[in-house]
Amino acid sequence: MTVPTPTTKRFLIDLGERVVATFAASLLAIALAAQPFNVLEFDWGSALTVSVSAAFLTLLKGLVAQHTGPTDGAGLGT
């Protein structure tokens, strides 16, 4: 069993995928919740702020997760 470090390639790929997916999913969810959606009138500032915040929290969780469980990924599970 190896403890992953933030510099291992697999860890960085896993964490990057999670961060990007969280950002995209949260931005899409906010856009879908705006009924009707109008690209010109949509509050992009607020939506991007929420999405970046969610992505940042995912990044922090991934960094904490490297010290829990026997995995070499960015997840908290086993």
C-alpha atoms as a PDB file:
ATOM      1  CA  MET A   1       0.000   0.000   0.000  1.00  0.00           C
ATOM      2  CA  THR A   2       1.369   3.361  -0.974  1.00  0.00           C
ATOM      3  CA  VAL A   3       0.155   6.650   0.355  1.00  0.00           C
ATOM      4  CA  PRO A   4      -0.512   8.960  -2.583  1.00  0.00           C
ATOM      5  CA  THR A   5       1.108  12.345  -2.663  1.00  0.00           C
ATOM      6  CA  PRO A   6      -0.145  15.383  -4.515  1.00  0.00           C
ATOM      7  CA  THR A   7       2.571  14.850  -7.100  1.00  0.00           C
ATOM      8  CA  THR A   8       1.686  11.335  -8.263  1.00  0.00           C
ATOM      9  CA  LYS A   9       0.396  11.294 -11.815  1.00  0.00           C
ATOM     10  CA  ARG A  10      -2.663   9.150 -11.069  1.00  0.00           C
ATOM     11  CA  PHE A  11      -3.641  11.314  -8.106  1.00  0.00           C
ATOM     12  CA  LEU A  12      -3.353  14.527 -10.132  1.00  0.00           C
ATOM     13  CA  ILE A  13      -5.368  13.106 -13.032  1.00  0.00           C
ATOM     14  CA  ASP A  14      -8.071  11.815 -10.679  1.00  0.00           C
ATOM     15  CA  LEU A  15      -8.249  15.080  -8.761  1.00  0.00           C
ATOM     16  CA  GLY A  16      -8.289  17.153 -11.945  1.00  0.00           C
ATOM     17  CA  GLU A  17     -11.162  15.126 -13.376  1.00  0.00           C
ATOM     18  CA  ARG A  18     -13.145  15.556 -10.185  1.00  0.00           C
ATOM     19  CA  VAL A  19     -12.574  19.309 -10.033  1.00  0.00           C
ATOM     20  CA  VAL A  20     -13.496  19.876 -13.693  1.00  0.00           C
ATOM     21  CA  ALA A  21     -16.556  17.620 -13.443  1.00  0.00           C
ATOM     22  CA  THR A  22     -17.779  19.416 -10.321  1.00  0.00           C
ATOM     23  CA  PHE A  23     -17.340  22.811 -11.965  1.00  0.00           C
ATOM     24  CA  ALA A  24     -19.152  21.754 -15.142  1.00  0.00           C
ATOM     25  CA  ALA A  25     -21.976  19.965 -13.332  1.00  0.00           C
ATOM     26  CA  SER A  26     -22.660  22.842 -10.962  1.00  0.00           C
ATOM     27  CA  LEU A  27     -22.612  25.425 -13.778  1.00  0.00           C
ATOM     28  CA  LEU A  28     -24.958  23.278 -15.869  1.00  0.00           C
ATOM     29  CA  ALA A  29     -27.310  22.741 -12.928  1.00  0.00           C
ATOM     30  CA  ILE A  30     -27.498  26.476 -12.246  1.00  0.00           C
ATOM     31  CA  ALA A  31     -28.109  27.218 -15.928  1.00  0.00           C
ATOM     32  CA  LEU A  32     -30.845  24.570 -16.137  1.00  0.00           C
ATOM     33  CA  ALA A  33     -32.520  25.985 -13.036  1.00  0.00           C
ATOM     34  CA  ALA A  34     -32.851  29.394 -14.722  1.00  0.00           C
ATOM     35  CA  GLN A  35     -36.219  29.145 -16.466  1.00  0.00           C
ATOM     36  CA  PRO A  36     -36.348  30.266 -19.192  1.00  0.00           C
ATOM     37  CA  PHE A  37     -32.625  30.300 -19.894  1.00  0.00           C
ATOM     38  CA  ASN A  38     -31.411  33.341 -21.805  1.00  0.00           C
ATOM     39  CA  VAL A  39     -27.661  33.476 -22.441  1.00  0.00           C
ATOM     40  CA  LEU A  40     -27.685  37.276 -22.597  1.00  0.00           C
ATOM     41  CA  GLU A  41     -29.631  37.844 -19.383  1.00  0.00           C
ATOM     42  CA  PHE A  42     -28.231  34.947 -17.352  1.00  0.00           C
ATOM     43  CA  ASP A  43     -26.348  36.002 -14.213  1.00  0.00           C
ATOM     44  CA  TRP A  44     -22.999  34.551 -15.281  1.00  0.00           C
ATOM     45  CA  GLY A  45     -21.089  36.202 -12.421  1.00  0.00           C
ATOM     46  CA  SER A  46     -23.075  34.483  -9.708  1.00  0.00           C
ATOM     47  CA  ALA A  47     -23.167  31.161 -11.552  1.00  0.00           C
ATOM     48  CA  LEU A  48     -19.406  31.161 -12.090  1.00  0.00           C
ATOM     49  CA  THR A  49     -18.797  32.154  -8.470  1.00  0.00           C
ATOM     50  CA  VAL A  50     -20.852  29.211  -7.208  1.00  0.00           C
ATOM     51  CA  SER A  51     -19.238  26.805  -9.683  1.00  0.00           C
ATOM     52  CA  VAL A  52     -15.684  27.902  -8.871  1.00  0.00           C
ATOM     53  CA  SER A  53     -16.478  27.629  -5.152  1.00  0.00           C
ATOM     54  CA  ALA A  54     -17.773  24.081  -5.618  1.00  0.00           C
ATOM     55  CA  ALA A  55     -14.687  23.163  -7.659  1.00  0.00           C
ATOM     56  CA  PHE A  56     -12.394  24.636  -4.993  1.00  0.00           C
ATOM     57  CA  LEU A  57     -14.114  22.643  -2.256  1.00  0.00           C
ATOM     58  CA  THR A  58     -13.709  19.513  -4.373  1.00  0.00           C
ATOM     59  CA  LEU A  59     -10.009  20.307  -4.699  1.00  0.00           C
ATOM     60  CA  LEU A  60      -9.685  20.677  -0.926  1.00  0.00           C
ATOM     61  CA  LYS A  61     -11.577  17.420  -0.346  1.00  0.00           C
ATOM     62  CA  GLY A  62      -9.259  15.640  -2.742  1.00  0.00           C
ATOM     63  CA  LEU A  63      -6.186  16.953  -0.946  1.00  0.00           C
ATOM     64  CA  VAL A  64      -7.597  15.803   2.399  1.00  0.00           C
ATOM     65  CA  ALA A  65      -8.586  12.435   0.916  1.00  0.00           C
ATOM     66  CA  GLN A  66      -4.991  11.568   0.083  1.00  0.00           C
ATOM     67  CA  HIS A  67      -4.472  10.936   3.794  1.00  0.00           C
ATOM     68  CA  THR A  68      -7.498   8.671   4.293  1.00  0.00           C
ATOM     69  CA  GLY A  69      -8.145   5.159   3.099  1.00  0.00           C
ATOM     70  CA  PRO A  70      -5.895   2.775   1.194  1.00  0.00           C
ATOM     71  CA  THR A  71      -6.589   4.179  -2.292  1.00  0.00           C
ATOM     72  CA  ASP A  72      -4.232   6.013  -4.578  1.00  0.00           C
ATOM     73  CA  GLY A  73      -6.953   8.277  -5.917  1.00  0.00           C
ATOM     74  CA  ALA A  74      -8.584  11.477  -4.743  1.00  0.00           C
ATOM     75  CA  GLY A  75     -11.673   9.824  -3.214  1.00  0.00           C
ATOM     76  CA  LEU A  76     -12.459   9.407   0.461  1.00  0.00           C
ATOM     77  CA  GLY A  77     -13.622   5.791   0.071  1.00  0.00           C
ATOM     78  CA  THR A  78     -11.659   2.583   0.158  1.00  0.00           C
END
